[in-house]
């Protein structure tokens, strides 16, 4: 590792019962969380931070126990709010927001705003960290380092998903490591 280089893992949460903050993992999601722990068994991890939402925390609990680390939470890792209320055409709005990062619906935040808070959160993590978040915010973070990562790539994310980011302070190498 070079002096200022930092490696961390961005994780999209496991399969959950819903999208609300208290949504728990499904039975399959719990099995996925156990698979995450097996994935990280031989990986040196010094720090784990998660969104405070239940599905994110439950996704990383087996890894926390395995590593003997304590959980850190950061509200800045919460999912992006696209807009207020039920949006029947939310997918169209989301796609447009990838093409225009300043697009902002009533009561929501733009892609730029969400990415900015996410970048602030991951900038604070030490080398060899795990960061647990949600699909849209994860995609916006990846787009920050790889502008080719957009709506189509977001649609291809899995639950869970893992990306290894190696950052030298100037540029980053983004590598999908979950299959």
N, C-alpha and C. Protein backbone atom coordinates (compact mmCIF):
# COMPACT_ATOMS: atom_id res chain seq x y z
N UNK A 1 0.83 -1.18 0.00
CA UNK A 1 0.00 0.00 0.00
C UNK A 1 0.88 1.24 0.00
N UNK A 2 0.56 2.18 -0.86
CA UNK A 2 1.27 3.45 -0.89
C UNK A 2 0.84 4.28 0.31
N UNK A 3 1.62 5.30 0.66
CA UNK A 3 1.39 6.11 1.84
C UNK A 3 -0.03 6.63 2.01
N UNK A 4 -0.60 7.23 0.99
CA UNK A 4 -1.93 7.82 1.14
C UNK A 4 -3.04 6.95 0.55
N UNK A 5 -2.68 5.74 0.14
CA UNK A 5 -3.69 4.86 -0.47
C UNK A 5 -4.60 4.27 0.60
N UNK A 6 -5.87 4.16 0.25
CA UNK A 6 -6.86 3.60 1.17
C UNK A 6 -7.74 2.63 0.40
N UNK A 7 -7.98 1.48 1.00
CA UNK A 7 -8.88 0.49 0.42
C UNK A 7 -10.07 0.33 1.35
N UNK A 8 -11.26 0.32 0.77
CA UNK A 8 -12.46 0.05 1.55
C UNK A 8 -13.46 -0.68 0.66
N UNK A 9 -14.44 -1.27 1.30
CA UNK A 9 -15.46 -2.06 0.60
C UNK A 9 -16.82 -1.40 0.77
N UNK A 10 -17.47 -1.12 -0.34
CA UNK A 10 -18.84 -0.60 -0.33
C UNK A 10 -19.78 -1.78 -0.49
N UNK A 11 -20.72 -1.91 0.42
CA UNK A 11 -21.67 -3.02 0.38
C UNK A 11 -23.09 -2.50 0.25
N UNK A 12 -23.83 -3.08 -0.68
CA UNK A 12 -25.28 -2.88 -0.73
C UNK A 12 -25.88 -3.93 0.19
N UNK A 13 -26.84 -3.53 0.99
CA UNK A 13 -27.48 -4.41 1.97
C UNK A 13 -28.05 -5.68 1.34
N UNK A 14 -28.32 -6.65 2.17
CA UNK A 14 -28.92 -7.92 1.74
C UNK A 14 -30.42 -7.75 1.52
N UNK A 15 -31.06 -8.81 1.00
CA UNK A 15 -32.49 -8.77 0.69
C UNK A 15 -33.31 -8.46 1.95
N UNK A 16 -34.23 -7.49 1.81
CA UNK A 16 -35.02 -7.03 2.96
C UNK A 16 -36.52 -7.11 2.67
N UNK A 17 -37.30 -6.97 3.74
CA UNK A 17 -38.76 -7.01 3.67
C UNK A 17 -39.36 -5.77 3.03
N UNK A 18 -38.61 -4.69 2.96
CA UNK A 18 -39.14 -3.44 2.41
C UNK A 18 -38.08 -2.37 2.38
N UNK A 19 -38.51 -1.14 2.16
CA UNK A 19 -37.58 -0.01 2.02
C UNK A 19 -37.56 0.92 3.23
N UNK A 20 -38.53 0.80 4.14
CA UNK A 20 -38.60 1.73 5.27
C UNK A 20 -37.44 1.47 6.24
N UNK A 21 -37.09 2.46 7.06
CA UNK A 21 -35.92 2.34 7.93
C UNK A 21 -35.92 1.11 8.85
N UNK A 22 -37.09 0.64 9.27
CA UNK A 22 -37.15 -0.49 10.19
C UNK A 22 -37.29 -1.84 9.48
N UNK A 23 -37.26 -1.85 8.14
CA UNK A 23 -37.40 -3.11 7.39
C UNK A 23 -36.28 -4.07 7.76
N UNK A 24 -36.66 -5.30 8.08
CA UNK A 24 -35.69 -6.33 8.44
C UNK A 24 -35.33 -7.17 7.23
N UNK A 25 -34.28 -7.96 7.38
CA UNK A 25 -33.89 -8.88 6.31
C UNK A 25 -34.89 -10.02 6.21
N UNK A 26 -35.04 -10.54 5.01
CA UNK A 26 -35.83 -11.75 4.78
C UNK A 26 -35.00 -12.95 5.24
N UNK A 27 -35.59 -14.13 5.20
CA UNK A 27 -34.84 -15.36 5.52
C UNK A 27 -33.65 -15.47 4.55
N UNK A 28 -33.90 -15.23 3.27
CA UNK A 28 -32.82 -15.25 2.28
C UNK A 28 -31.78 -14.18 2.59
N UNK A 29 -32.23 -13.00 3.02
CA UNK A 29 -31.32 -11.92 3.38
C UNK A 29 -30.39 -12.29 4.53
N UNK A 30 -30.92 -13.03 5.50
CA UNK A 30 -30.08 -13.48 6.62
C UNK A 30 -29.02 -14.48 6.14
N UNK A 31 -29.42 -15.35 5.21
CA UNK A 31 -28.45 -16.29 4.63
C UNK A 31 -27.38 -15.52 3.84
N UNK A 32 -27.80 -14.48 3.13
CA UNK A 32 -26.85 -13.64 2.39
C UNK A 32 -25.88 -12.96 3.35
N UNK A 33 -26.37 -12.49 4.50
CA UNK A 33 -25.50 -11.84 5.49
C UNK A 33 -24.44 -12.82 5.99
N UNK A 34 -24.83 -14.09 6.17
CA UNK A 34 -23.85 -15.11 6.56
C UNK A 34 -22.82 -15.32 5.46
N UNK A 35 -23.26 -15.26 4.19
CA UNK A 35 -22.31 -15.40 3.07
C UNK A 35 -21.35 -14.21 3.02
N UNK A 36 -21.85 -13.01 3.36
CA UNK A 36 -20.95 -11.84 3.44
C UNK A 36 -19.85 -12.11 4.47
N UNK A 37 -20.22 -12.63 5.62
CA UNK A 37 -19.22 -12.92 6.66
C UNK A 37 -18.19 -13.92 6.15
N UNK A 38 -18.64 -14.94 5.42
CA UNK A 38 -17.68 -15.90 4.86
C UNK A 38 -16.77 -15.22 3.83
N UNK A 39 -17.34 -14.34 3.03
CA UNK A 39 -16.55 -13.61 2.04
C UNK A 39 -15.42 -12.82 2.72
N UNK A 40 -15.74 -12.17 3.83
CA UNK A 40 -14.76 -11.31 4.51
C UNK A 40 -13.89 -12.06 5.53
N UNK A 41 -14.09 -13.37 5.68
CA UNK A 41 -13.37 -14.13 6.70
C UNK A 41 -11.85 -13.98 6.60
N UNK A 42 -11.32 -13.96 5.38
CA UNK A 42 -9.87 -13.88 5.18
C UNK A 42 -9.40 -12.48 4.76
N UNK A 43 -10.29 -11.49 4.88
CA UNK A 43 -9.95 -10.12 4.49
C UNK A 43 -9.71 -9.29 5.75
N UNK A 44 -8.58 -8.60 5.77
CA UNK A 44 -8.28 -7.74 6.92
C UNK A 44 -9.23 -6.54 6.91
N UNK A 45 -9.99 -6.39 7.99
CA UNK A 45 -10.93 -5.28 8.13
C UNK A 45 -10.65 -4.61 9.48
N UNK A 46 -10.52 -3.28 9.47
CA UNK A 46 -10.21 -2.56 10.71
C UNK A 46 -11.39 -1.76 11.25
N UNK A 47 -12.42 -1.55 10.41
CA UNK A 47 -13.49 -0.63 10.80
C UNK A 47 -14.73 -0.95 9.96
N UNK A 48 -15.89 -0.92 10.59
CA UNK A 48 -17.15 -1.14 9.87
C UNK A 48 -18.11 -0.02 10.22
N UNK A 49 -18.68 0.60 9.18
CA UNK A 49 -19.67 1.66 9.36
C UNK A 49 -20.87 1.35 8.48
N UNK A 50 -22.05 1.64 9.01
CA UNK A 50 -23.29 1.32 8.30
C UNK A 50 -24.28 2.47 8.45
N UNK A 51 -25.18 2.52 7.51
CA UNK A 51 -26.37 3.34 7.69
C UNK A 51 -27.06 2.83 8.96
N UNK A 52 -27.79 3.69 9.67
CA UNK A 52 -28.49 3.22 10.87
C UNK A 52 -29.76 2.42 10.58
N UNK A 53 -30.15 2.26 9.33
CA UNK A 53 -31.36 1.50 9.00
C UNK A 53 -31.15 0.02 9.33
N UNK A 54 -32.21 -0.62 9.79
CA UNK A 54 -32.15 -2.01 10.26
C UNK A 54 -31.58 -2.95 9.21
N UNK A 55 -32.04 -2.86 7.96
CA UNK A 55 -31.59 -3.83 6.94
C UNK A 55 -30.09 -3.74 6.67
N UNK A 56 -29.53 -2.56 6.79
CA UNK A 56 -28.08 -2.40 6.59
C UNK A 56 -27.33 -3.01 7.77
N UNK A 57 -27.78 -2.72 8.97
CA UNK A 57 -27.12 -3.25 10.17
C UNK A 57 -27.20 -4.78 10.20
N UNK A 58 -28.40 -5.33 9.92
CA UNK A 58 -28.55 -6.78 9.94
C UNK A 58 -27.68 -7.45 8.87
N UNK A 59 -27.42 -6.74 7.78
CA UNK A 59 -26.59 -7.29 6.70
C UNK A 59 -25.15 -7.53 7.15
N UNK A 60 -24.66 -6.70 8.06
CA UNK A 60 -23.25 -6.77 8.43
C UNK A 60 -23.03 -7.40 9.81
N UNK A 61 -24.10 -7.70 10.55
CA UNK A 61 -23.96 -8.25 11.90
C UNK A 61 -23.10 -9.52 11.96
N UNK A 62 -23.29 -10.51 11.07
CA UNK A 62 -22.42 -11.70 11.16
C UNK A 62 -20.94 -11.36 10.95
N UNK A 63 -20.65 -10.41 10.09
CA UNK A 63 -19.25 -10.00 9.86
C UNK A 63 -18.70 -9.28 11.09
N UNK A 64 -19.51 -8.43 11.71
CA UNK A 64 -19.10 -7.75 12.94
C UNK A 64 -18.70 -8.77 14.01
N UNK A 65 -19.56 -9.76 14.20
CA UNK A 65 -19.29 -10.79 15.22
C UNK A 65 -18.02 -11.55 14.89
N UNK A 66 -17.88 -11.93 13.63
CA UNK A 66 -16.71 -12.70 13.20
C UNK A 66 -15.42 -11.91 13.42
N UNK A 67 -15.45 -10.62 13.13
CA UNK A 67 -14.25 -9.79 13.23
C UNK A 67 -14.02 -9.25 14.64
N UNK A 68 -15.04 -9.35 15.51
CA UNK A 68 -14.91 -8.80 16.86
C UNK A 68 -14.84 -7.29 16.86
N UNK A 69 -15.48 -6.66 15.87
CA UNK A 69 -15.47 -5.21 15.77
C UNK A 69 -16.80 -4.64 16.26
N UNK A 70 -16.78 -3.38 16.63
CA UNK A 70 -18.04 -2.74 17.01
C UNK A 70 -18.62 -2.00 15.82
N UNK A 71 -19.93 -1.86 15.84
CA UNK A 71 -20.63 -1.19 14.76
C UNK A 71 -20.57 0.32 14.93
N UNK A 72 -20.24 0.99 13.86
CA UNK A 72 -20.33 2.45 13.79
C UNK A 72 -21.46 2.75 12.82
N UNK A 73 -22.28 3.76 13.12
CA UNK A 73 -23.34 4.14 12.19
C UNK A 73 -23.13 5.58 11.76
N UNK A 74 -23.61 5.87 10.56
CA UNK A 74 -23.48 7.21 10.00
C UNK A 74 -24.74 7.48 9.17
N UNK A 75 -25.53 8.44 9.61
CA UNK A 75 -26.78 8.79 8.94
C UNK A 75 -26.53 9.23 7.49
N UNK A 76 -25.33 9.69 7.20
CA UNK A 76 -25.01 10.12 5.83
C UNK A 76 -25.01 8.96 4.85
N UNK A 77 -25.02 7.73 5.35
CA UNK A 77 -25.05 6.55 4.49
C UNK A 77 -26.47 6.07 4.22
N UNK A 78 -27.47 6.80 4.71
CA UNK A 78 -28.87 6.45 4.47
C UNK A 78 -29.20 6.59 2.99
N UNK A 79 -30.22 5.85 2.56
CA UNK A 79 -30.62 5.88 1.16
C UNK A 79 -31.07 7.27 0.75
N UNK A 80 -30.84 7.57 -0.49
CA UNK A 80 -31.28 8.84 -1.07
C UNK A 80 -32.80 8.90 -1.07
N UNK A 81 -33.34 10.05 -0.70
CA UNK A 81 -34.78 10.29 -0.80
C UNK A 81 -35.01 10.92 -2.16
N UNK A 82 -35.69 10.18 -3.03
CA UNK A 82 -35.96 10.66 -4.39
C UNK A 82 -37.00 11.77 -4.38
N UNK A 83 -38.05 11.59 -3.58
CA UNK A 83 -39.11 12.60 -3.48
C UNK A 83 -40.10 12.19 -2.41
N UNK A 84 -41.01 13.10 -2.07
CA UNK A 84 -42.01 12.83 -1.05
C UNK A 84 -43.15 11.98 -1.60
N UNK A 85 -43.72 11.17 -0.73
CA UNK A 85 -44.92 10.43 -1.09
C UNK A 85 -44.66 9.27 -2.02
N UNK A 86 -45.75 8.65 -2.44
CA UNK A 86 -45.70 7.51 -3.34
C UNK A 86 -45.51 8.00 -4.77
N UNK A 87 -44.44 7.59 -5.41
CA UNK A 87 -44.16 7.99 -6.79
C UNK A 87 -44.36 6.78 -7.70
N UNK A 88 -45.54 6.68 -8.35
CA UNK A 88 -45.79 5.52 -9.21
C UNK A 88 -44.76 5.40 -10.34
N UNK A 89 -44.23 6.51 -10.79
CA UNK A 89 -43.25 6.50 -11.89
C UNK A 89 -41.83 6.77 -11.37
N UNK A 90 -41.55 6.26 -10.16
CA UNK A 90 -40.28 6.54 -9.52
C UNK A 90 -39.09 6.08 -10.35
N UNK A 91 -39.25 4.96 -11.08
CA UNK A 91 -38.14 4.44 -11.88
C UNK A 91 -37.76 5.42 -12.99
N UNK A 92 -38.75 6.04 -13.62
CA UNK A 92 -38.48 7.06 -14.65
C UNK A 92 -37.75 8.25 -14.04
N UNK A 93 -38.21 8.68 -12.86
CA UNK A 93 -37.56 9.80 -12.18
C UNK A 93 -36.11 9.45 -11.82
N UNK A 94 -35.93 8.22 -11.35
CA UNK A 94 -34.57 7.80 -10.98
C UNK A 94 -33.66 7.79 -12.20
N UNK A 95 -34.14 7.26 -13.30
CA UNK A 95 -33.32 7.24 -14.52
C UNK A 95 -32.96 8.65 -14.96
N UNK A 96 -33.92 9.55 -14.93
CA UNK A 96 -33.65 10.95 -15.31
C UNK A 96 -32.62 11.58 -14.36
N UNK A 97 -32.68 11.18 -13.09
CA UNK A 97 -31.76 11.78 -12.12
C UNK A 97 -30.32 11.32 -12.34
N UNK A 98 -30.12 10.17 -12.96
CA UNK A 98 -28.76 9.75 -13.31
C UNK A 98 -28.23 10.57 -14.48
N UNK A 99 -29.12 11.02 -15.34
CA UNK A 99 -28.72 11.83 -16.50
C UNK A 99 -28.57 13.30 -16.14
N UNK A 100 -29.22 13.72 -15.07
CA UNK A 100 -29.14 15.11 -14.59
C UNK A 100 -28.99 15.06 -13.08
N UNK A 101 -27.75 15.11 -12.62
CA UNK A 101 -27.46 14.96 -11.20
C UNK A 101 -28.02 16.09 -10.34
N UNK A 102 -28.48 17.17 -10.99
CA UNK A 102 -29.07 18.28 -10.23
C UNK A 102 -30.59 18.17 -10.14
N UNK A 103 -31.19 17.20 -10.84
CA UNK A 103 -32.64 17.02 -10.81
C UNK A 103 -33.09 16.72 -9.39
N UNK A 104 -34.11 17.45 -8.94
CA UNK A 104 -34.57 17.31 -7.56
C UNK A 104 -36.09 17.38 -7.54
N UNK A 105 -36.73 16.33 -7.03
CA UNK A 105 -38.18 16.31 -6.89
C UNK A 105 -38.57 16.95 -5.56
N UNK A 106 -39.83 17.34 -5.45
CA UNK A 106 -40.33 17.96 -4.21
C UNK A 106 -40.06 17.05 -3.02
N UNK A 107 -39.40 17.60 -2.01
CA UNK A 107 -39.12 16.86 -0.79
C UNK A 107 -37.97 15.88 -0.89
N UNK A 108 -37.32 15.82 -2.05
CA UNK A 108 -36.22 14.87 -2.24
C UNK A 108 -34.88 15.56 -2.29
N UNK A 109 -33.87 14.79 -2.61
CA UNK A 109 -32.54 15.36 -2.78
C UNK A 109 -32.02 14.97 -4.16
N UNK A 110 -31.21 15.83 -4.71
CA UNK A 110 -30.63 15.56 -6.03
C UNK A 110 -29.55 14.49 -5.90
N UNK A 111 -29.19 13.91 -7.02
CA UNK A 111 -28.09 12.95 -7.03
C UNK A 111 -26.81 13.58 -6.51
N UNK A 112 -26.58 14.83 -6.89
CA UNK A 112 -25.38 15.54 -6.43
C UNK A 112 -25.36 15.69 -4.92
N UNK A 113 -26.52 16.06 -4.35
CA UNK A 113 -26.60 16.24 -2.89
C UNK A 113 -26.36 14.92 -2.16
N UNK A 114 -26.99 13.85 -2.65
CA UNK A 114 -26.82 12.55 -2.01
C UNK A 114 -25.37 12.07 -2.13
N UNK A 115 -24.79 12.22 -3.32
CA UNK A 115 -23.41 11.80 -3.53
C UNK A 115 -22.46 12.59 -2.62
N UNK A 116 -22.72 13.87 -2.47
CA UNK A 116 -21.85 14.72 -1.64
C UNK A 116 -21.83 14.23 -0.19
N UNK A 117 -22.99 13.92 0.37
CA UNK A 117 -23.01 13.44 1.76
C UNK A 117 -22.38 12.04 1.87
N UNK A 118 -22.60 11.21 0.84
CA UNK A 118 -21.99 9.88 0.84
C UNK A 118 -20.48 9.94 0.75
N UNK A 119 -19.98 10.83 -0.11
CA UNK A 119 -18.52 11.00 -0.25
C UNK A 119 -17.93 11.50 1.07
N UNK A 120 -18.63 12.42 1.73
CA UNK A 120 -18.14 12.91 3.03
C UNK A 120 -18.05 11.76 4.03
N UNK A 121 -19.02 10.87 4.01
CA UNK A 121 -19.01 9.73 4.95
C UNK A 121 -17.86 8.77 4.64
N UNK A 122 -17.68 8.39 3.38
CA UNK A 122 -16.62 7.42 3.06
C UNK A 122 -15.24 8.05 3.15
N UNK A 123 -15.14 9.35 2.99
CA UNK A 123 -13.84 10.01 3.13
C UNK A 123 -13.30 9.89 4.55
N UNK A 124 -14.20 9.72 5.51
CA UNK A 124 -13.81 9.66 6.91
C UNK A 124 -13.38 8.27 7.37
N UNK A 125 -13.59 7.23 6.56
CA UNK A 125 -13.27 5.88 7.02
C UNK A 125 -11.78 5.59 6.86
N UNK A 126 -11.23 4.79 7.78
CA UNK A 126 -9.82 4.42 7.66
C UNK A 126 -9.60 3.32 6.62
N UNK A 127 -8.34 3.04 6.35
CA UNK A 127 -7.95 1.95 5.45
C UNK A 127 -8.55 0.63 5.93
N UNK A 128 -8.92 -0.23 4.98
CA UNK A 128 -9.47 -1.57 5.25
C UNK A 128 -10.80 -1.50 6.00
N UNK A 129 -11.70 -0.66 5.53
CA UNK A 129 -13.02 -0.52 6.14
C UNK A 129 -14.09 -1.16 5.28
N UNK A 130 -15.23 -1.41 5.92
CA UNK A 130 -16.46 -1.81 5.24
C UNK A 130 -17.47 -0.70 5.46
N UNK A 131 -18.15 -0.31 4.37
CA UNK A 131 -19.18 0.73 4.40
C UNK A 131 -20.46 0.10 3.85
N UNK A 132 -21.53 0.09 4.66
CA UNK A 132 -22.79 -0.55 4.26
C UNK A 132 -23.84 0.51 3.97
N UNK A 133 -24.43 0.42 2.77
CA UNK A 133 -25.40 1.42 2.35
C UNK A 133 -26.46 0.78 1.45
N UNK A 134 -27.04 1.56 0.55
CA UNK A 134 -28.18 1.17 -0.28
C UNK A 134 -27.86 1.35 -1.74
N UNK A 135 -28.66 0.74 -2.59
CA UNK A 135 -28.39 0.71 -4.02
C UNK A 135 -28.21 2.05 -4.68
N UNK A 136 -29.13 2.99 -4.45
CA UNK A 136 -29.03 4.27 -5.15
C UNK A 136 -27.82 5.06 -4.68
N UNK A 137 -27.62 5.13 -3.37
CA UNK A 137 -26.46 5.87 -2.87
C UNK A 137 -25.16 5.19 -3.30
N UNK A 138 -25.12 3.87 -3.26
CA UNK A 138 -23.93 3.15 -3.70
C UNK A 138 -23.63 3.48 -5.16
N UNK A 139 -24.66 3.47 -6.00
CA UNK A 139 -24.47 3.79 -7.43
C UNK A 139 -23.96 5.22 -7.61
N UNK A 140 -24.47 6.15 -6.82
CA UNK A 140 -24.01 7.54 -6.92
C UNK A 140 -22.55 7.66 -6.49
N UNK A 141 -22.17 6.92 -5.45
CA UNK A 141 -20.78 6.92 -5.01
C UNK A 141 -19.88 6.33 -6.09
N UNK A 142 -20.29 5.21 -6.68
CA UNK A 142 -19.49 4.60 -7.73
C UNK A 142 -19.38 5.53 -8.93
N UNK A 143 -20.45 6.24 -9.24
CA UNK A 143 -20.45 7.21 -10.35
C UNK A 143 -19.44 8.33 -10.09
N UNK A 144 -19.22 8.65 -8.83
CA UNK A 144 -18.24 9.69 -8.48
C UNK A 144 -16.84 9.29 -8.94
N UNK A 145 -16.50 8.00 -8.78
CA UNK A 145 -15.17 7.51 -9.16
C UNK A 145 -15.13 6.97 -10.57
N UNK A 146 -16.28 6.54 -11.07
CA UNK A 146 -16.37 5.96 -12.41
C UNK A 146 -17.61 6.55 -13.08
N UNK A 147 -17.45 7.67 -13.81
CA UNK A 147 -18.59 8.35 -14.42
C UNK A 147 -19.41 7.48 -15.38
N UNK A 148 -18.86 6.34 -15.78
CA UNK A 148 -19.61 5.43 -16.63
C UNK A 148 -20.63 4.59 -15.87
N UNK A 149 -20.59 4.67 -14.54
CA UNK A 149 -21.53 3.90 -13.72
C UNK A 149 -22.80 4.72 -13.59
N UNK A 150 -23.87 4.23 -14.21
CA UNK A 150 -25.12 4.98 -14.23
C UNK A 150 -26.34 4.13 -13.94
N UNK A 151 -27.45 4.54 -14.52
CA UNK A 151 -28.74 3.89 -14.26
C UNK A 151 -28.72 2.41 -14.64
N UNK A 152 -28.19 2.08 -15.81
CA UNK A 152 -28.16 0.68 -16.26
C UNK A 152 -27.35 -0.18 -15.30
N UNK A 153 -26.24 0.35 -14.81
CA UNK A 153 -25.40 -0.39 -13.86
C UNK A 153 -26.12 -0.53 -12.51
N UNK A 154 -26.84 0.54 -12.10
CA UNK A 154 -27.63 0.46 -10.88
C UNK A 154 -28.63 -0.70 -10.98
N UNK A 155 -29.28 -0.82 -12.13
CA UNK A 155 -30.28 -1.88 -12.32
C UNK A 155 -29.66 -3.27 -12.21
N UNK A 156 -28.38 -3.38 -12.47
CA UNK A 156 -27.70 -4.68 -12.42
C UNK A 156 -27.07 -5.00 -11.07
N UNK A 157 -27.25 -4.11 -10.09
CA UNK A 157 -26.74 -4.40 -8.75
C UNK A 157 -27.53 -5.56 -8.16
N UNK A 158 -26.87 -6.33 -7.31
CA UNK A 158 -27.55 -7.41 -6.61
C UNK A 158 -27.69 -7.05 -5.13
N UNK A 159 -28.51 -7.81 -4.43
CA UNK A 159 -28.61 -7.72 -2.97
C UNK A 159 -28.06 -9.02 -2.41
N UNK A 160 -26.94 -9.01 -1.71
CA UNK A 160 -26.06 -7.87 -1.52
C UNK A 160 -25.17 -7.68 -2.74
N UNK A 161 -24.35 -6.68 -2.67
CA UNK A 161 -23.32 -6.46 -3.68
C UNK A 161 -22.12 -5.85 -2.97
N UNK A 162 -20.93 -6.10 -3.51
CA UNK A 162 -19.71 -5.57 -2.88
C UNK A 162 -18.80 -5.00 -3.95
N UNK A 163 -18.31 -3.80 -3.69
CA UNK A 163 -17.32 -3.16 -4.54
C UNK A 163 -16.11 -2.81 -3.68
N UNK A 164 -14.94 -3.17 -4.18
CA UNK A 164 -13.68 -2.82 -3.52
C UNK A 164 -13.18 -1.53 -4.17
N UNK A 165 -12.93 -0.53 -3.34
CA UNK A 165 -12.44 0.76 -3.81
C UNK A 165 -11.03 0.96 -3.28
N UNK A 166 -10.10 1.20 -4.17
CA UNK A 166 -8.73 1.54 -3.78
C UNK A 166 -8.51 2.97 -4.24
N UNK A 167 -8.28 3.85 -3.27
CA UNK A 167 -8.24 5.29 -3.54
C UNK A 167 -6.89 5.84 -3.09
N UNK A 168 -6.27 6.63 -3.95
CA UNK A 168 -4.96 7.20 -3.61
C UNK A 168 -5.03 8.69 -3.29
N UNK A 169 -6.22 9.22 -3.11
CA UNK A 169 -6.38 10.64 -2.84
C UNK A 169 -6.70 11.43 -4.08
N UNK A 170 -6.36 10.90 -5.24
CA UNK A 170 -6.63 11.56 -6.52
C UNK A 170 -7.61 10.76 -7.37
N UNK A 171 -7.30 9.50 -7.54
CA UNK A 171 -8.14 8.64 -8.38
C UNK A 171 -8.45 7.35 -7.63
N UNK A 172 -9.38 6.59 -8.17
CA UNK A 172 -9.79 5.36 -7.50
C UNK A 172 -9.90 4.22 -8.51
N UNK A 173 -9.63 3.03 -8.03
CA UNK A 173 -9.88 1.81 -8.79
C UNK A 173 -11.12 1.18 -8.18
N UNK A 174 -12.14 0.97 -9.00
CA UNK A 174 -13.40 0.39 -8.57
C UNK A 174 -13.48 -1.03 -9.11
N UNK A 175 -13.71 -1.98 -8.22
CA UNK A 175 -13.72 -3.39 -8.61
C UNK A 175 -14.92 -4.09 -7.96
N UNK A 176 -15.80 -4.66 -8.78
CA UNK A 176 -16.91 -5.44 -8.22
C UNK A 176 -16.35 -6.79 -7.81
N UNK A 177 -16.52 -7.15 -6.54
CA UNK A 177 -15.91 -8.38 -6.03
C UNK A 177 -16.93 -9.41 -5.56
N UNK A 178 -18.20 -9.12 -5.70
CA UNK A 178 -19.26 -10.07 -5.33
C UNK A 178 -19.79 -10.72 -6.59
N UNK A 179 -20.08 -12.01 -6.52
CA UNK A 179 -20.64 -12.66 -7.70
C UNK A 179 -21.84 -13.51 -7.34
